[in-house]
Amino acid sequence: TFGGMAKDADWKREFEALKSKIENPDDVDLSEYHRAGYDPPFKPFNRRNEVWIVKKTSSMAEPQSPTD
């Protein structure tokens, strides 16, 4: 979560910061991120923004070779 009137560079910076904190990067899809802004454009102060990364499901995970 971060504040302010976010520009593209702000979103990218926050995404990179979030990526650096992920303990198990194989569990999430780092090819893209989602932006969440909760305030109307006319609210200049105390804005709330979030960057979201999607967790992989078992169907998204890397295929595993069968064990014999």
PDB file of N, CA and C in Angstrom:
ATOM      1  N   THR A   1       0.850  -1.174   0.000  1.00  0.00           N
ATOM      2  CA  THR A   1       0.000   0.000   0.000  1.00  0.00           C
ATOM      3  C   THR A   1       0.892   1.233   0.000  1.00  0.00           C
ATOM      4  N   PHE A   2       0.532   2.202  -0.826  1.00  0.00           N
ATOM      5  CA  PHE A   2       1.270   3.454  -0.861  1.00  0.00           C
ATOM      6  C   PHE A   2       0.309   4.584  -1.195  1.00  0.00           C
ATOM      7  N   GLY A   3       0.695   5.772  -0.869  1.00  0.00           N
ATOM      8  CA  GLY A   3      -0.179   6.918  -1.053  1.00  0.00           C
ATOM      9  C   GLY A   3       0.231   7.794  -2.215  1.00  0.00           C
ATOM     10  N   GLY A   4      -0.576   8.809  -2.432  1.00  0.00           N
ATOM     11  CA  GLY A   4      -0.264   9.797  -3.447  1.00  0.00           C
ATOM     12  C   GLY A   4      -1.021   9.592  -4.744  1.00  0.00           C
ATOM     13  N   MET A   5      -0.844  10.548  -5.635  1.00  0.00           N
ATOM     14  CA  MET A   5      -1.428  10.488  -6.973  1.00  0.00           C
ATOM     15  C   MET A   5      -0.445   9.706  -7.834  1.00  0.00           C
ATOM     16  N   ALA A   6      -0.652   8.403  -7.955  1.00  0.00           N
ATOM     17  CA  ALA A   6       0.328   7.500  -8.560  1.00  0.00           C
ATOM     18  C   ALA A   6       0.429   7.680 -10.073  1.00  0.00           C
ATOM     19  N   LYS A   7       1.669   7.735 -10.533  1.00  0.00           N
ATOM     20  CA  LYS A   7       1.986   7.771 -11.960  1.00  0.00           C
ATOM     21  C   LYS A   7       2.562   6.407 -12.338  1.00  0.00           C
ATOM     22  N   ASP A   8       2.755   6.168 -13.628  1.00  0.00           N
ATOM     23  CA  ASP A   8       3.277   4.874 -14.084  1.00  0.00           C
ATOM     24  C   ASP A   8       4.569   4.493 -13.373  1.00  0.00           C
ATOM     25  N   ALA A   9       5.475   5.441 -13.212  1.00  0.00           N
ATOM     26  CA  ALA A   9       6.754   5.156 -12.550  1.00  0.00           C
ATOM     27  C   ALA A   9       6.549   4.741 -11.091  1.00  0.00           C
ATOM     28  N   ASP A  10       5.558   5.321 -10.428  1.00  0.00           N
ATOM     29  CA  ASP A  10       5.261   4.960  -9.033  1.00  0.00           C
ATOM     30  C   ASP A  10       4.765   3.518  -8.939  1.00  0.00           C
ATOM     31  N   TRP A  11       3.874   3.136  -9.849  1.00  0.00           N
ATOM     32  CA  TRP A  11       3.356   1.767  -9.856  1.00  0.00           C
ATOM     33  C   TRP A  11       4.490   0.780 -10.091  1.00  0.00           C
ATOM     34  N   LYS A  12       5.346   1.085 -11.062  1.00  0.00           N
ATOM     35  CA  LYS A  12       6.462   0.194 -11.389  1.00  0.00           C
ATOM     36  C   LYS A  12       7.413   0.073 -10.196  1.00  0.00           C
ATOM     37  N   ARG A  13       7.727   1.193  -9.551  1.00  0.00           N
ATOM     38  CA  ARG A  13       8.617   1.183  -8.388  1.00  0.00           C
ATOM     39  C   ARG A  13       8.041   0.326  -7.268  1.00  0.00           C
ATOM     40  N   GLU A  14       6.757   0.467  -7.001  1.00  0.00           N
ATOM     41  CA  GLU A  14       6.112  -0.310  -5.936  1.00  0.00           C
ATOM     42  C   GLU A  14       6.043  -1.792  -6.291  1.00  0.00           C
ATOM     43  N   PHE A  15       5.844  -2.106  -7.576  1.00  0.00           N
ATOM     44  CA  PHE A  15       5.858  -3.497  -8.020  1.00  0.00           C
ATOM     45  C   PHE A  15       7.234  -4.104  -7.793  1.00  0.00           C
ATOM     46  N   GLU A  16       8.279  -3.380  -8.160  1.00  0.00           N
ATOM     47  CA  GLU A  16       9.645  -3.879  -7.965  1.00  0.00           C
ATOM     48  C   GLU A  16       9.943  -4.068  -6.479  1.00  0.00           C
ATOM     49  N   ALA A  17       9.479  -3.154  -5.635  1.00  0.00           N
ATOM     50  CA  ALA A  17       9.686  -3.273  -4.191  1.00  0.00           C
ATOM     51  C   ALA A  17       8.960  -4.501  -3.642  1.00  0.00           C
ATOM     52  N   LEU A  18       7.751  -4.735  -4.120  1.00  0.00           N
ATOM     53  CA  LEU A  18       6.993  -5.902  -3.676  1.00  0.00           C
ATOM     54  C   LEU A  18       7.667  -7.191  -4.132  1.00  0.00           C
ATOM     55  N   LYS A  19       8.133  -7.215  -5.378  1.00  0.00           N
ATOM     56  CA  LYS A  19       8.826  -8.403  -5.895  1.00  0.00           C
ATOM     57  C   LYS A  19      10.031  -8.761  -5.035  1.00  0.00           C
ATOM     58  N   SER A  20      10.755  -7.758  -4.572  1.00  0.00           N
ATOM     59  CA  SER A  20      11.962  -8.019  -3.784  1.00  0.00           C
ATOM     60  C   SER A  20      11.653  -8.616  -2.412  1.00  0.00           C
ATOM     61  N   LYS A  21      10.412  -8.517  -1.968  1.00  0.00           N
ATOM     62  CA  LYS A  21      10.025  -9.033  -0.649  1.00  0.00           C
ATOM     63  C   LYS A  21       9.385 -10.419  -0.700  1.00  0.00           C
ATOM     64  N   ILE A  22       9.180 -10.943  -1.891  1.00  0.00           N
ATOM     65  CA  ILE A  22       8.514 -12.239  -2.032  1.00  0.00           C
ATOM     66  C   ILE A  22       9.483 -13.355  -1.672  1.00  0.00           C
ATOM     67  N   GLU A  23       9.079 -14.201  -0.740  1.00  0.00           N
ATOM     68  CA  GLU A  23       9.943 -15.285  -0.271  1.00  0.00           C
ATOM     69  C   GLU A  23       9.997 -16.457  -1.241  1.00  0.00           C
ATOM     70  N   ASN A  24       8.897 -16.766  -1.898  1.00  0.00           N
ATOM     71  CA  ASN A  24       8.820 -17.898  -2.830  1.00  0.00           C
ATOM     72  C   ASN A  24       8.339 -17.401  -4.192  1.00  0.00           C
ATOM     73  N   PRO A  25       9.229 -16.851  -5.010  1.00  0.00           N
ATOM     74  CA  PRO A  25       8.795 -16.277  -6.288  1.00  0.00           C
ATOM     75  C   PRO A  25       8.180 -17.284  -7.253  1.00  0.00           C
ATOM     76  N   ASP A  26       8.453 -18.577  -7.058  1.00  0.00           N
ATOM     77  CA  ASP A  26       7.844 -19.586  -7.932  1.00  0.00           C
ATOM     78  C   ASP A  26       6.351 -19.750  -7.663  1.00  0.00           C
ATOM     79  N   ASP A  27       5.878 -19.225  -6.546  1.00  0.00           N
ATOM     80  CA  ASP A  27       4.469 -19.356  -6.175  1.00  0.00           C
ATOM     81  C   ASP A  27       3.575 -18.275  -6.780  1.00  0.00           C
ATOM     82  N   VAL A  28       4.178 -17.262  -7.389  1.00  0.00           N
ATOM     83  CA  VAL A  28       3.399 -16.145  -7.920  1.00  0.00           C
ATOM     84  C   VAL A  28       3.757 -15.882  -9.377  1.00  0.00           C
ATOM     85  N   ASP A  29       2.843 -15.234 -10.082  1.00  0.00           N
ATOM     86  CA  ASP A  29       3.053 -14.867 -11.479  1.00  0.00           C
ATOM     87  C   ASP A  29       3.643 -13.462 -11.517  1.00  0.00           C
ATOM     88  N   LEU A  30       4.938 -13.367 -11.787  1.00  0.00           N
ATOM     89  CA  LEU A  30       5.616 -12.072 -11.806  1.00  0.00           C
ATOM     90  C   LEU A  30       5.664 -11.460 -13.204  1.00  0.00           C
ATOM     91  N   SER A  31       4.930 -12.032 -14.145  1.00  0.00           N
ATOM     92  CA  SER A  31       4.929 -11.491 -15.500  1.00  0.00           C
ATOM     93  C   SER A  31       4.047 -10.251 -15.617  1.00  0.00           C
ATOM     94  N   GLU A  32       3.188 -10.035 -14.631  1.00  0.00           N
ATOM     95  CA  GLU A  32       2.323  -8.864 -14.648  1.00  0.00           C
ATOM     96  C   GLU A  32       1.898  -8.525 -13.221  1.00  0.00           C
ATOM     97  N   TYR A  33       1.339  -7.342 -13.066  1.00  0.00           N
ATOM     98  CA  TYR A  33       0.795  -6.938 -11.776  1.00  0.00           C
ATOM     99  C   TYR A  33      -0.472  -6.134 -12.017  1.00  0.00           C
ATOM    100  N   HIS A  34      -1.250  -5.977 -10.968  1.00  0.00           N
ATOM    101  CA  HIS A  34      -2.507  -5.244 -11.055  1.00  0.00           C
ATOM    102  C   HIS A  34      -2.425  -4.021 -10.153  1.00  0.00           C
ATOM    103  N   ARG A  35      -3.067  -2.965 -10.590  1.00  0.00           N
ATOM    104  CA  ARG A  35      -3.104  -1.710  -9.845  1.00  0.00           C
ATOM    105  C   ARG A  35      -4.470  -1.562  -9.187  1.00  0.00           C
ATOM    106  N   ALA A  36      -4.471  -1.161  -7.940  1.00  0.00           N
ATOM    107  CA  ALA A  36      -5.732  -0.897  -7.243  1.00  0.00           C
ATOM    108  C   ALA A  36      -5.647   0.489  -6.624  1.00  0.00           C
ATOM    109  N   GLY A  37      -6.493   1.376  -7.084  1.00  0.00           N
ATOM    110  CA  GLY A  37      -6.600   2.720  -6.525  1.00  0.00           C
ATOM    111  C   GLY A  37      -7.997   2.875  -5.954  1.00  0.00           C
ATOM    112  N   TYR A  38      -8.099   3.320  -4.736  1.00  0.00           N
ATOM    113  CA  TYR A  38      -9.380   3.317  -4.041  1.00  0.00           C
ATOM    114  C   TYR A  38     -10.069   4.674  -3.967  1.00  0.00           C
ATOM    115  N   ASP A  39      -9.445   5.698  -4.504  1.00  0.00           N
ATOM    116  CA  ASP A  39      -9.981   7.042  -4.319  1.00  0.00           C
ATOM    117  C   ASP A  39     -10.373   7.683  -5.646  1.00  0.00           C
ATOM    118  N   PRO A  40     -11.373   8.581  -5.608  1.00  0.00           N
ATOM    119  CA  PRO A  40     -11.755   9.290  -6.826  1.00  0.00           C
ATOM    120  C   PRO A  40     -10.644  10.262  -7.235  1.00  0.00           C
ATOM    121  N   PRO A  41     -10.585  10.627  -8.504  1.00  0.00           N
ATOM    122  CA  PRO A  41      -9.496  11.491  -8.974  1.00  0.00           C
ATOM    123  C   PRO A  41      -9.475  12.880  -8.344  1.00  0.00           C
ATOM    124  N   PHE A  42     -10.594  13.337  -7.825  1.00  0.00           N
ATOM    125  CA  PHE A  42     -10.631  14.672  -7.224  1.00  0.00           C
ATOM    126  C   PHE A  42     -10.208  14.686  -5.754  1.00  0.00           C
ATOM    127  N   LYS A  43      -9.809  13.549  -5.201  1.00  0.00           N
ATOM    128  CA  LYS A  43      -9.301  13.502  -3.823  1.00  0.00           C
ATOM    129  C   LYS A  43      -7.779  13.676  -3.877  1.00  0.00           C
ATOM    130  N   PRO A  44      -7.266  14.842  -3.481  1.00  0.00           N
ATOM    131  CA  PRO A  44      -5.832  15.107  -3.653  1.00  0.00           C
ATOM    132  C   PRO A  44      -4.932  14.549  -2.543  1.00  0.00           C
ATOM    133  N   PHE A  45      -5.470  14.290  -1.366  1.00  0.00           N
ATOM    134  CA  PHE A  45      -4.636  13.879  -0.238  1.00  0.00           C
ATOM    135  C   PHE A  45      -5.122  12.551   0.353  1.00  0.00           C
ATOM    136  N   ASN A  46      -4.199  11.902   1.083  1.00  0.00           N
ATOM    137  CA  ASN A  46      -4.511  10.642   1.772  1.00  0.00           C
ATOM    138  C   ASN A  46      -5.095   9.585   0.833  1.00  0.00           C
ATOM    139  N   ARG A  47      -4.506   9.496  -0.337  1.00  0.00           N
ATOM    140  CA  ARG A  47      -4.950   8.502  -1.316  1.00  0.00           C
ATOM    141  C   ARG A  47      -4.366   7.138  -0.972  1.00  0.00           C
ATOM    142  N   ARG A  48      -5.085   6.084  -1.326  1.00  0.00           N
ATOM    143  CA  ARG A  48      -4.641   4.714  -1.044  1.00  0.00           C
ATOM    144  C   ARG A  48      -4.521   3.948  -2.355  1.00  0.00           C
ATOM    145  N   ASN A  49      -3.338   3.387  -2.587  1.00  0.00           N
ATOM    146  CA  ASN A  49      -3.061   2.592  -3.779  1.00  0.00           C
ATOM    147  C   ASN A  49      -2.421   1.280  -3.356  1.00  0.00           C
ATOM    148  N   GLU A  50      -2.676   0.231  -4.135  1.00  0.00           N
ATOM    149  CA  GLU A  50      -2.063  -1.072  -3.867  1.00  0.00           C
ATOM    150  C   GLU A  50      -1.604  -1.698  -5.173  1.00  0.00           C
ATOM    151  N   VAL A  51      -0.532  -2.470  -5.083  1.00  0.00           N
ATOM    152  CA  VAL A  51      -0.069  -3.297  -6.191  1.00  0.00           C
ATOM    153  C   VAL A  51      -0.401  -4.733  -5.833  1.00  0.00           C
ATOM    154  N   TRP A  52      -1.021  -5.439  -6.765  1.00  0.00           N
ATOM    155  CA  TRP A  52      -1.402  -6.834  -6.538  1.00  0.00           C
ATOM    156  C   TRP A  52      -0.620  -7.744  -7.464  1.00  0.00           C
ATOM    157  N   ILE A  53      -0.185  -8.873  -6.937  1.00  0.00           N
ATOM    158  CA  ILE A  53       0.452  -9.931  -7.715  1.00  0.00           C
ATOM    159  C   ILE A  53      -0.383 -11.188  -7.507  1.00  0.00           C
ATOM    160  N   VAL A  54      -0.638 -11.902  -8.584  1.00  0.00           N
ATOM    161  CA  VAL A  54      -1.504 -13.084  -8.528  1.00  0.00           C
ATOM    162  C   VAL A  54      -0.708 -14.312  -8.118  1.00  0.00           C
ATOM    163  N   LYS A  55      -1.255 -15.046  -7.162  1.00  0.00           N
ATOM    164  CA  LYS A  55      -0.654 -16.309  -6.743  1.00  0.00           C
ATOM    165  C   LYS A  55      -1.008 -17.385  -7.760  1.00  0.00           C
ATOM    166  N   LYS A  56      -0.034 -18.212  -8.099  1.00  0.00           N
ATOM    167  CA  LYS A  56      -0.277 -19.297  -9.046  1.00  0.00           C
ATOM    168  C   LYS A  56      -1.149 -20.365  -8.400  1.00  0.00           C
ATOM    169  N   THR A  57      -2.024 -20.931  -9.197  1.00  0.00           N
ATOM    170  CA  THR A  57      -2.796 -22.089  -8.752  1.00  0.00           C
ATOM    171  C   THR A  57      -2.061 -23.327  -9.227  1.00  0.00           C
ATOM    172  N   SER A  58      -2.497 -24.472  -8.811  1.00  0.00           N
ATOM    173  CA  SER A  58      -1.812 -25.700  -9.214  1.00  0.00           C
ATOM    174  C   SER A  58      -1.850 -25.878 -10.725  1.00  0.00           C
ATOM    175  N   SER A  59      -2.882 -25.386 -11.397  1.00  0.00           N
ATOM    176  CA  SER A  59      -2.948 -25.514 -12.853  1.00  0.00           C
ATOM    177  C   SER A  59      -2.014 -24.537 -13.555  1.00  0.00           C
ATOM    178  N   MET A  60      -1.583 -23.473 -12.864  1.00  0.00           N
ATOM    179  CA  MET A  60      -0.659 -22.496 -13.443  1.00  0.00           C
ATOM    180  C   MET A  60       0.793 -22.874 -13.184  1.00  0.00           C
ATOM    181  N   ALA A  61       1.018 -23.701 -12.204  1.00  0.00           N
ATOM    182  CA  ALA A  61       2.386 -24.041 -11.809  1.00  0.00           C
ATOM    183  C   ALA A  61       3.088 -24.797 -12.929  1.00  0.00           C
ATOM    184  N   GLU A  62       4.398 -24.817 -12.842  1.00  0.00           N
ATOM    185  CA  GLU A  62       5.194 -25.533 -13.835  1.00  0.00           C
ATOM    186  C   GLU A  62       4.797 -27.002 -13.843  1.00  0.00           C
ATOM    187  N   PRO A  63       4.662 -27.579 -15.047  1.00  0.00           N
ATOM    188  CA  PRO A  63       4.324 -29.002 -15.099  1.00  0.00           C
ATOM    189  C   PRO A  63       5.430 -29.842 -14.479  1.00  0.00           C
ATOM    190  N   GLN A  64       5.030 -30.843 -13.763  1.00  0.00           N
ATOM    191  CA  GLN A  64       6.004 -31.722 -13.126  1.00  0.00           C
ATOM    192  C   GLN A  64       6.038 -33.042 -13.872  1.00  0.00           C
ATOM    193  N   SER A  65       7.228 -33.599 -13.969  1.00  0.00           N
ATOM    194  CA  SER A  65       7.341 -34.885 -14.655  1.00  0.00           C
ATOM    195  C   SER A  65       6.780 -35.979 -13.756  1.00  0.00           C
ATOM    196  N   PRO A  66       6.141 -36.966 -14.369  1.00  0.00           N
ATOM    197  CA  PRO A  66       5.569 -38.046 -13.552  1.00  0.00           C
ATOM    198  C   PRO A  66       6.664 -38.860 -12.883  1.00  0.00           C
ATOM    199  N   THR A  67       6.367 -39.326 -11.708  1.00  0.00           N
ATOM    200  CA  THR A  67       7.323 -40.175 -10.989  1.00  0.00           C
ATOM    201  C   THR A  67       6.943 -41.624 -11.197  1.00  0.00           C
ATOM    202  N   ASP A  68       7.945 -42.479 -11.279  1.00  0.00           N
ATOM    203  CA  ASP A  68       7.685 -43.914 -11.494  1.00  0.00           C
ATOM    204  C   ASP A  68       7.668 -44.654 -10.186  1.00  0.00           C
TER     205      ASP A  68
END
